[in-house]
Protein backbone atom coordinates (compact mmCIF):
# COMPACT_ATOMS: atom_id res chain seq x y z
CA UNK A 1 0.49 113.63 36.54
CA UNK A 2 -2.08 111.23 38.05
CA UNK A 3 -2.39 111.04 41.79
CA UNK A 4 -0.03 108.36 43.16
CA UNK A 5 -0.91 105.44 45.26
CA UNK A 6 1.44 104.04 48.00
CA UNK A 7 3.01 100.85 46.90
CA UNK A 8 3.69 97.98 49.36
CA UNK A 9 7.28 96.72 49.68
CA UNK A 10 9.21 93.54 50.31
CA UNK A 11 12.85 93.92 51.40
CA UNK A 12 16.11 92.11 51.28
CA UNK A 13 19.36 93.09 53.04
CA UNK A 14 20.15 95.13 56.18
CA UNK A 15 18.04 98.15 56.89
CA UNK A 16 21.05 100.25 57.49
CA UNK A 17 22.94 99.15 54.27
CA UNK A 18 24.67 102.08 52.75
CA UNK A 19 23.39 101.30 49.23
CA UNK A 20 19.70 101.29 48.39
CA UNK A 21 17.94 99.69 45.41
CA UNK A 22 14.28 99.66 44.16
CA UNK A 23 12.99 96.65 42.15
CA UNK A 24 10.00 97.07 39.95
CA UNK A 25 8.20 94.16 38.37
CA UNK A 26 6.44 93.62 35.03
CA UNK A 27 2.84 93.29 33.95
CA UNK A 28 0.80 90.64 35.75
CA UNK A 29 3.66 89.91 38.20
CA UNK A 30 4.41 91.11 41.71
CA UNK A 31 7.26 92.40 43.76
CA UNK A 32 8.13 88.96 45.17
CA UNK A 33 8.99 87.77 41.65
CA UNK A 34 11.98 90.10 41.75
CA UNK A 35 13.59 87.95 44.46
CA UNK A 36 16.60 86.87 42.41
CA UNK A 37 17.75 90.51 42.26
CA UNK A 38 16.87 91.10 45.93
CA UNK A 39 18.87 88.10 47.18
CA UNK A 40 21.89 88.99 44.94
CA UNK A 41 21.99 92.61 45.94
CA UNK A 42 21.59 91.74 49.63
CA UNK A 43 24.51 89.29 49.36
CA UNK A 44 26.61 92.13 47.80
CA UNK A 45 25.78 94.37 50.81
CA UNK A 46 22.80 96.25 49.39
CA UNK A 47 19.32 96.93 50.85
CA UNK A 48 16.77 96.09 48.00
CA UNK A 49 13.02 97.02 48.23
CA UNK A 50 10.55 95.46 45.73
CA UNK A 51 7.21 97.10 45.21
CA UNK A 52 3.81 95.77 43.92
CA UNK A 53 2.60 98.02 41.19
CA UNK A 54 -0.88 99.44 41.31
CA UNK A 55 -3.48 96.76 40.58
CA UNK A 56 -0.87 94.01 41.27
CA UNK A 57 -0.07 91.95 44.28
CA UNK A 58 -1.41 93.63 47.39
CA UNK A 59 -1.10 97.16 46.01
CA UNK A 60 -4.13 99.57 45.98
CA UNK A 61 -6.52 99.27 43.04
CA UNK A 62 -7.25 102.33 40.93
CA UNK A 63 -9.03 103.41 37.78
CA UNK A 64 -5.96 104.85 35.97
CA UNK A 65 -3.54 102.29 34.41
CA UNK A 66 -1.69 104.56 32.05
CA UNK A 67 2.06 104.43 31.96
CA UNK A 68 1.99 107.85 33.45
CA UNK A 69 0.04 106.58 36.50
CA UNK A 70 2.61 103.66 37.04
CA UNK A 71 5.41 106.10 36.64
CA UNK A 72 3.88 108.52 39.23
CA UNK A 73 3.68 105.66 41.79
CA UNK A 74 7.26 104.68 41.49
CA UNK A 75 8.54 108.22 41.33
CA UNK A 76 6.82 108.78 44.68
CA UNK A 77 8.51 105.65 46.17
CA UNK A 78 11.66 106.77 47.85
CA UNK A 79 14.24 105.26 50.28
CA UNK A 80 13.36 105.45 53.94
CA UNK A 81 15.18 108.70 54.35
CA UNK A 82 13.27 110.19 51.36
CA UNK A 83 16.45 110.60 49.34
CA UNK A 84 17.71 109.12 46.06
CA UNK A 85 17.93 105.51 45.14
CA UNK A 86 21.43 104.21 44.34
CA UNK A 87 19.90 101.84 41.81
CA UNK A 88 16.54 101.08 40.23
CA UNK A 89 15.90 97.88 38.44
CA UNK A 90 12.75 97.71 36.22
CA UNK A 91 11.46 94.72 34.29
CA UNK A 92 9.21 95.05 31.31
CA UNK A 93 6.30 97.38 32.39
CA UNK A 94 8.45 98.22 35.36
CA UNK A 95 11.22 99.34 32.94
CA UNK A 96 8.82 101.65 31.11
CA UNK A 97 7.58 103.19 34.34
CA UNK A 98 11.23 103.61 35.52
CA UNK A 99 12.26 105.38 32.28
CA UNK A 100 9.45 107.90 32.69
CA UNK A 101 10.20 108.47 36.38
CA UNK A 102 13.89 108.91 35.90
CA UNK A 103 13.53 111.22 32.85
CA UNK A 104 11.05 113.32 34.84
CA UNK A 105 13.28 113.57 37.92
CA UNK A 106 17.00 112.79 37.59
CA UNK A 107 17.38 112.88 41.42
CA UNK A 108 15.12 109.83 41.73
CA UNK A 109 18.02 107.32 41.12
CA UNK A 110 21.75 107.46 40.45
CA UNK A 111 21.61 104.42 38.13
CA UNK A 112 18.99 102.53 36.12
CA UNK A 113 19.05 98.94 34.95
CA UNK A 114 16.19 97.89 32.62
CA UNK A 115 15.38 94.22 32.16
CA UNK A 116 14.03 93.61 28.64
CA UNK A 117 12.08 96.88 29.07
CA UNK A 118 8.79 97.71 27.45
CA UNK A 119 10.01 101.04 26.05
CA UNK A 120 8.08 100.65 22.80
CA UNK A 121 5.87 97.69 21.81
CA UNK A 122 5.01 96.56 18.24
CA UNK A 123 1.49 95.43 17.59
CA UNK A 124 2.72 91.85 17.34
CA UNK A 125 4.39 92.12 20.78
CA UNK A 126 1.18 93.55 22.29
CA UNK A 127 -0.79 90.66 21.04
CA UNK A 128 1.77 88.22 22.40
CA UNK A 129 1.58 89.96 25.82
CA UNK A 130 -2.21 90.00 25.84
CA UNK A 131 -2.25 86.23 24.95
CA UNK A 132 0.26 85.46 27.65
CA UNK A 133 -1.76 87.44 30.31
CA UNK A 134 -4.99 85.73 29.21
CA UNK A 135 -3.51 82.24 29.68
CA UNK A 136 -2.12 83.21 33.16
CA UNK A 137 -5.52 84.46 34.34
CA UNK A 138 -7.48 81.56 32.77
CA UNK A 139 -5.48 79.03 34.74
CA UNK A 140 -3.53 80.67 37.58
CA UNK A 141 -2.29 77.41 38.98
CA UNK A 142 1.38 76.27 39.67
CA UNK A 143 0.71 73.24 37.44
CA UNK A 144 -0.13 75.54 34.52
CA UNK A 145 3.03 77.67 35.08
CA UNK A 146 5.17 74.60 35.49
CA UNK A 147 3.83 73.12 32.27
CA UNK A 148 4.75 76.29 30.38
CA UNK A 149 8.06 76.86 32.09
CA UNK A 150 9.41 73.51 33.26
CA UNK A 151 12.93 74.88 33.83
CA UNK A 152 11.92 77.66 36.21
CA UNK A 153 12.99 77.47 39.86
CA UNK A 154 10.13 76.10 42.06
CA UNK A 155 9.83 79.48 43.86
CA UNK A 156 9.33 81.21 40.53
CA UNK A 157 6.62 78.75 39.59
CA UNK A 158 4.86 79.29 42.89
CA UNK A 159 5.23 83.11 42.76
CA UNK A 160 4.06 83.49 39.17
CA UNK A 161 0.89 81.50 39.96
CA UNK A 162 0.37 83.60 43.06
CA UNK A 163 0.84 86.86 41.07
CA UNK A 164 -1.92 85.83 38.72
CA UNK A 165 -4.13 85.01 41.62
CA UNK A 166 -3.46 88.41 43.28
CA UNK A 167 -3.51 90.79 40.37
CA UNK A 168 -6.60 92.54 39.14
CA UNK A 169 -7.44 90.97 35.74
CA UNK A 170 -9.28 94.20 34.89
CA UNK A 171 -6.23 96.31 35.86
CA UNK A 172 -3.96 94.17 33.53
CA UNK A 173 -6.45 94.41 30.71
CA UNK A 174 -6.87 98.19 31.22
CA UNK A 175 -3.06 98.61 31.12
CA UNK A 176 -3.29 97.49 27.43
CA UNK A 177 -6.61 99.36 26.75
CA UNK A 178 -5.58 102.63 28.32
CA UNK A 179 -2.20 102.76 26.54
CA UNK A 180 -3.15 102.85 22.89
CA UNK A 181 0.26 104.07 22.02
CA UNK A 182 2.96 102.29 24.08
CA UNK A 183 6.05 104.30 23.49
CA UNK A 184 8.36 105.98 26.08
CA UNK A 185 11.32 106.42 23.70
CA UNK A 186 11.17 110.19 24.02
CA UNK A 187 11.72 109.83 27.82
CA UNK A 188 14.48 107.25 27.24
CA UNK A 189 16.34 109.73 24.99
CA UNK A 190 16.19 112.32 27.87
CA UNK A 191 17.76 109.95 30.45
CA UNK A 192 20.82 111.49 31.97
CA UNK A 193 21.61 108.86 34.57
CA UNK A 194 23.80 105.77 33.62
CA UNK A 195 21.26 103.27 32.16
CA UNK A 196 21.94 99.60 31.23
CA UNK A 197 19.60 97.39 29.45
CA UNK A 198 19.84 93.64 30.10
CA UNK A 199 17.90 92.41 27.19
CA UNK A 200 16.56 88.96 26.43
CA UNK A 201 17.74 86.82 23.55
CA UNK A 202 15.78 87.65 20.34
CA UNK A 203 16.31 84.02 19.27
CA UNK A 204 14.06 83.13 22.15
CA UNK A 205 11.96 86.18 22.68
CA UNK A 206 12.67 89.84 23.49
CA UNK A 207 10.55 92.96 23.37
CA UNK A 208 13.59 95.17 23.16
CA UNK A 209 16.62 93.50 21.45
CA UNK A 210 16.38 93.69 17.72
CA UNK A 211 13.08 95.76 17.89
CA UNK A 212 12.40 99.41 16.88
CA UNK A 213 12.89 100.43 20.52
CA UNK A 214 16.55 99.45 20.59
CA UNK A 215 17.49 101.56 17.61
CA UNK A 216 15.30 104.41 18.73
CA UNK A 217 17.06 104.89 22.02
CA UNK A 218 20.62 104.06 20.67
CA UNK A 219 21.47 107.85 20.14
CA UNK A 220 21.44 108.30 23.93
CA UNK A 221 25.09 107.80 25.10
CA UNK A 222 23.85 107.16 28.76
CA UNK A 223 22.24 103.87 27.59
CA UNK A 224 24.32 100.63 27.14
CA UNK A 225 22.98 97.16 26.26
CA UNK A 226 23.88 93.50 26.98
CA UNK A 227 22.02 90.32 26.14
CA UNK A 228 21.36 87.20 28.19
CA UNK A 229 21.88 84.33 25.67
CA UNK A 230 19.12 81.68 25.72
CA UNK A 231 16.75 83.75 27.83
CA UNK A 232 13.17 84.82 27.08
CA UNK A 233 11.44 87.95 28.24
CA UNK A 234 12.03 87.15 31.90
CA UNK A 235 15.74 86.38 32.01
CA UNK A 236 15.84 86.22 35.79
CA UNK A 237 13.59 83.31 35.62
CA UNK A 238 14.85 81.74 32.42
CA UNK A 239 18.62 82.13 32.89
CA UNK A 240 19.00 83.45 36.52
CA UNK A 241 22.66 82.82 36.94
CA UNK A 242 23.64 84.54 33.80
CA UNK A 243 21.32 87.46 34.47
CA UNK A 244 22.76 88.00 37.90
CA UNK A 245 26.22 87.88 36.42
CA UNK A 246 25.24 90.50 33.96
CA UNK A 247 23.82 92.64 36.85
CA UNK A 248 26.92 92.42 39.01
CA UNK A 249 29.17 93.12 36.00
CA UNK A 250 27.39 96.42 35.48
CA UNK A 251 27.50 97.35 39.11
CA UNK A 252 31.23 96.47 39.23
């Protein structure tokens, strides 16, 4: 396992809340972009901590950007008392890292929610992701984000632009280059904690729903799936109310 780095955190909710959640963002993003989940959980009485992944936000830079390295970092991230998370929410790359961490250590979290997770990527999806990241880095301005996503909340527009300005372009490019085979389905099949996938709508764009990854992990009875209609790969930005409703329904 690669040597972990310590990931910076943003927090929502009371420090002494009895339930603790960890929020893990996707490729090219930052912890602040998980704010919809942080706000919703805090209002429900949780404490939620969002991390910046290595090479992203204000997190340490490194040379290793394999999925195993990302997983090692989040596995080393624990609640303040060093115990077990009550919930981990991982989006896209954060979902893949969460799967590896939870499969490797079932005591890491009691429950896992994966947001359109990058469990296994087709070559077409990898090309789409690379093209999206290239556009983000070529013009990391709020105006460019707003032009591509006119329906996003102003805070998501601001934070998405900031995330491209903060992240290491080399780190994001290396995340693709160093993971020639992007597939954590073996780990997903070993998951023993209750795991729910909130997938994007394949009629818009999803890297999980209707893809080989979905059928590959279906044999694991710990994994259930729901879909946010009308949402693309980032449902918490495309359809935030429906996504939070789906989250709270799972927790209830």
